[in-house]
Amino acid sequence: MSTILIPYFIAITVLTITPGLDTTLIIRTATLEGRAKAFQAALGINLGCVAWGIIVACGLGALLMTSDLAFNVLKWAGAIYLAWLGLNLILKPRTQLANINETAVTQNWFIRGFWGNLLNPKVGIFYISFLPQFIPPSSSPVIWTMGLVSIHVILGFIWSVFLIAAMQSVSSYLKRPKFIQYMDRITGSIFIVFALKLAFSKR
């Protein structure tokens, strides 16, 4: 078992700390909106991974490998969602954080983190293509898939906690109106870049 889990642990750790959309979302939320909302985003992101793990473990994720229609529908839904988030941040950047509680519905980063992952077919494709090589032939694919996904989720959450803690030490200096606008627009631009990357991606 160690000959399987150790290489997987190393590989998934490197992939977890590689900067991407999830990292951007957590850093931005921790910097501008505080620890609580950053944890909401992190929980949403990791719940999205769990949902994909269940889908793949149940065999439904194989549709993404065999059906162009299923892949394209999910791909475009994810791209549109990311583009919508990005445009809102670019066109309507905030200058203060006082209205966060008043706009709890639109600023629910748990929901944004969750749907951002769930509507990204690349997560499902990654699990389908990456996890099987670490599942012993005589073992239960469902149990092992969920076990490997759980390791990924735990590492992801630990990395999120580290990012959130690192941002707290500088957040008081970064909650200025100009910087808030700057961060919203930069984050929105990154979201749109990921949306375009997803829209033009191929299996």
Foldseek 3Di string as FASTA:
>chain_A
DCVLVVVLLVVLLVVLPDDDLLLLLLLLCLQAPHDVQSLLLLLLQLVLLLVLLQCVLVVVLCCCVVPPVVVLVLLLVLLVLLLVQLVCLQVPFFQADPCCVVPVPVSRSNNVNNSNSNSQSVSNVCLNVPQVVSDDPPDRSNVSSSVSSVSSSVSNSVVSVVSSVVSVVCSVVQRGRVSSSVSSNVSSVSSNVVSVCSNPDDD
